[in-house]
Amino acid sequence: MTTLTQRVNQANERFRSTRDARSSRDIALLAARIGLAWVFVYHGARTLFSAFGGSGIHPQAVYFAHVAHLQPGTFFAVLGGIIECFGGAAVGLGIFGRLAAAGLVGDMVMAMITVTFSHGVIGTAGSGYELNVALAALALVVAILGTGRLSLDAFLRNLLHR
């Protein structure tokens, strides 16, 4: 019969072996990329194409101009939609992932500066900046660590180096 200390040590060893494995890092990056892509493609497509019941460019341009105080509103609505939709897709697929993830970090920082920061962390009716911080932090992880081996970047790199 093993003691509690031995069981804890065995569990700790299993955890360490998983943590240090390259495949664990790649799977974690893939999960982060899929989560980011899901949120940003959805939001960007709502802005650019009125997809998923979104309002489209014009109402977003009015919002950017009057609420976020970004002029010209149409330019910033289109820019934000492009960064979110196509940057999210690039991160999800793992193509130009670091650059796209850096763009998503910038997008979330701008959202915090112009709209949500004044509402506080939680805000009223969920209008705070907590989601912006979480998404920016997750995108920063991808921008720093890259897209991992389970990405188009890695596939193309391996294809070109043959």
Protein backbone atom coordinates (compact mmCIF):
# COMPACT_ATOMS: atom_id res chain seq x y z
CA MET A 1 0.00 0.00 0.00
CA THR A 2 1.42 3.39 -1.00
CA THR A 3 1.44 6.34 1.28
CA LEU A 4 -0.15 9.66 0.52
CA THR A 5 3.26 11.24 0.03
CA GLN A 6 4.20 8.65 -2.58
CA ARG A 7 0.94 9.20 -4.46
CA VAL A 8 1.47 12.96 -4.46
CA ASN A 9 5.03 12.50 -5.75
CA GLN A 10 3.81 10.16 -8.51
CA ALA A 11 1.10 12.63 -9.56
CA ASN A 12 3.66 15.44 -9.54
CA GLU A 13 6.00 13.44 -11.79
CA ARG A 14 3.18 12.73 -14.26
CA PHE A 15 2.31 16.43 -14.30
CA ARG A 16 5.92 17.43 -14.92
CA SER A 17 6.32 14.98 -17.79
CA THR A 18 3.19 16.38 -19.44
CA ARG A 19 4.20 19.99 -18.86
CA ASP A 20 7.61 19.52 -20.44
CA ALA A 21 6.35 17.64 -23.50
CA ARG A 22 6.39 19.60 -26.76
CA SER A 23 3.07 18.07 -27.77
CA SER A 24 1.40 19.54 -24.67
CA ARG A 25 2.58 23.00 -25.71
CA ASP A 26 1.31 22.52 -29.25
CA ILE A 27 -2.09 21.27 -28.08
CA ALA A 28 -2.42 24.18 -25.64
CA LEU A 29 -1.52 26.67 -28.39
CA LEU A 30 -4.01 25.02 -30.75
CA ALA A 31 -6.76 25.32 -28.12
CA ALA A 32 -5.89 28.98 -27.53
CA ARG A 33 -5.88 29.66 -31.28
CA ILE A 34 -9.25 27.97 -31.82
CA GLY A 35 -10.80 29.93 -28.95
CA LEU A 36 -9.45 33.21 -30.27
CA ALA A 37 -10.56 32.42 -33.82
CA TRP A 38 -14.05 31.49 -32.68
CA VAL A 39 -14.61 34.78 -30.84
CA PHE A 40 -12.88 37.13 -33.27
CA VAL A 41 -14.14 35.67 -36.57
CA TYR A 42 -17.68 35.73 -35.19
CA HIS A 43 -17.39 39.34 -34.03
CA GLY A 44 -15.56 40.55 -37.13
CA ALA A 45 -18.03 38.86 -39.51
CA ARG A 46 -20.91 40.51 -37.64
CA THR A 47 -19.26 43.88 -38.23
CA LEU A 48 -18.12 43.43 -41.84
CA PHE A 49 -20.81 41.24 -43.35
CA SER A 50 -23.82 41.51 -41.00
CA ALA A 51 -23.34 37.77 -40.43
CA PHE A 52 -24.78 35.96 -37.41
CA GLY A 53 -27.39 38.67 -36.92
CA GLY A 54 -24.80 41.46 -36.81
CA SER A 55 -25.59 45.07 -37.56
CA GLY A 56 -23.01 45.61 -40.31
CA ILE A 57 -20.67 48.45 -41.20
CA HIS A 58 -22.91 51.52 -40.97
CA PRO A 59 -24.26 51.02 -37.42
CA GLN A 60 -20.77 50.05 -36.29
CA ALA A 61 -19.36 53.20 -37.92
CA VAL A 62 -21.87 55.31 -35.99
CA TYR A 63 -20.91 53.49 -32.78
CA PHE A 64 -17.18 54.00 -33.41
CA ALA A 65 -17.70 57.69 -34.15
CA HIS A 66 -20.04 58.56 -31.29
CA VAL A 67 -19.27 56.12 -28.48
CA ALA A 68 -15.60 55.30 -29.08
CA HIS A 69 -14.87 58.80 -30.46
CA LEU A 70 -12.83 57.37 -33.33
CA GLN A 71 -13.03 59.48 -36.47
CA PRO A 72 -13.73 58.62 -39.26
CA GLY A 73 -16.05 56.00 -37.85
CA THR A 74 -16.36 54.01 -41.09
CA PHE A 75 -12.59 53.63 -41.38
CA PHE A 76 -12.26 52.33 -37.84
CA ALA A 77 -15.28 50.04 -38.17
CA VAL A 78 -13.84 48.46 -41.31
CA LEU A 79 -10.34 48.29 -39.80
CA GLY A 80 -11.64 46.65 -36.63
CA GLY A 81 -13.75 44.21 -38.61
CA ILE A 82 -10.82 43.23 -40.82
CA ILE A 83 -8.48 42.76 -37.86
CA GLU A 84 -11.06 40.70 -35.99
CA CYS A 85 -12.41 38.57 -38.85
CA PHE A 86 -9.28 37.91 -40.87
CA GLY A 87 -6.82 38.19 -37.98
CA GLY A 88 -8.93 35.69 -36.06
CA ALA A 89 -8.98 33.36 -39.06
CA ALA A 90 -5.21 33.68 -39.48
CA VAL A 91 -4.61 32.88 -35.81
CA GLY A 92 -7.00 29.94 -35.98
CA LEU A 93 -5.35 28.46 -39.06
CA GLY A 94 -1.91 29.31 -37.80
CA ILE A 95 -0.78 31.36 -40.79
CA PHE A 96 1.07 34.60 -39.97
CA GLY A 97 -0.13 33.80 -36.47
CA ARG A 98 2.25 36.02 -34.51
CA LEU A 99 1.47 39.08 -36.59
CA ALA A 100 -2.28 38.41 -36.53
CA ALA A 101 -2.24 37.79 -32.78
CA ALA A 102 -0.38 41.07 -32.22
CA GLY A 103 -3.12 42.80 -34.23
CA LEU A 104 -5.76 41.20 -32.01
CA VAL A 105 -3.92 42.43 -28.90
CA GLY A 106 -3.94 45.94 -30.36
CA ASP A 107 -7.63 45.64 -31.19
CA MET A 108 -8.47 44.72 -27.59
CA VAL A 109 -6.25 47.46 -26.17
CA MET A 110 -8.04 50.01 -28.35
CA ALA A 111 -11.42 48.65 -27.23
CA MET A 112 -10.37 49.09 -23.62
CA ILE A 113 -8.97 52.58 -24.12
CA THR A 114 -11.88 53.93 -26.13
CA VAL A 115 -14.93 52.19 -24.64
CA THR A 116 -14.75 49.66 -21.84
CA PHE A 117 -12.09 50.95 -19.44
CA SER A 118 -14.31 53.75 -18.14
CA HIS A 119 -16.95 51.15 -17.18
CA GLY A 120 -14.62 49.31 -14.79
CA VAL A 121 -13.68 45.66 -14.72
CA ILE A 122 -17.24 44.30 -14.77
CA GLY A 123 -19.26 47.41 -15.59
CA THR A 124 -23.01 47.52 -15.95
CA ALA A 125 -24.72 44.83 -18.02
CA GLY A 126 -21.35 43.19 -18.75
CA SER A 127 -19.88 46.25 -20.44
CA GLY A 128 -16.59 46.17 -18.53
CA TYR A 129 -13.15 45.34 -19.80
CA GLU A 130 -12.69 41.87 -18.28
CA LEU A 131 -13.24 40.04 -21.58
CA ASN A 132 -10.93 42.46 -23.39
CA VAL A 133 -8.15 41.70 -20.90
CA ALA A 134 -8.66 37.94 -21.21
CA LEU A 135 -8.69 37.99 -25.02
CA ALA A 136 -5.68 40.33 -25.18
CA ALA A 137 -3.72 38.10 -22.79
CA LEU A 138 -4.57 34.96 -24.77
CA ALA A 139 -3.61 36.65 -28.04
CA LEU A 140 -0.37 37.85 -26.43
CA VAL A 141 0.50 34.24 -25.58
CA VAL A 142 0.14 33.32 -29.27
CA ALA A 143 2.06 36.44 -30.36
CA ILE A 144 4.97 35.53 -28.07
CA LEU A 145 5.05 31.72 -28.36
CA GLY A 146 3.94 31.46 -31.99
CA THR A 147 1.39 29.06 -33.42
CA GLY A 148 3.11 25.78 -32.56
CA ARG A 149 3.68 22.69 -34.69
CA LEU A 150 -0.06 22.18 -35.37
CA SER A 151 -0.38 25.14 -37.74
CA LEU A 152 -0.11 26.12 -41.38
CA ASP A 153 3.04 28.11 -40.54
CA ALA A 154 4.78 24.94 -39.36
CA PHE A 155 3.44 22.88 -42.26
CA LEU A 156 4.66 25.40 -44.85
CA ARG A 157 8.00 25.78 -43.09
CA ASN A 158 8.50 21.99 -43.18
CA LEU A 159 7.39 21.86 -46.82
CA LEU A 160 9.87 24.57 -47.86
CA HIS A 161 12.79 23.03 -45.97
CA ARG A 162 12.56 19.65 -47.71
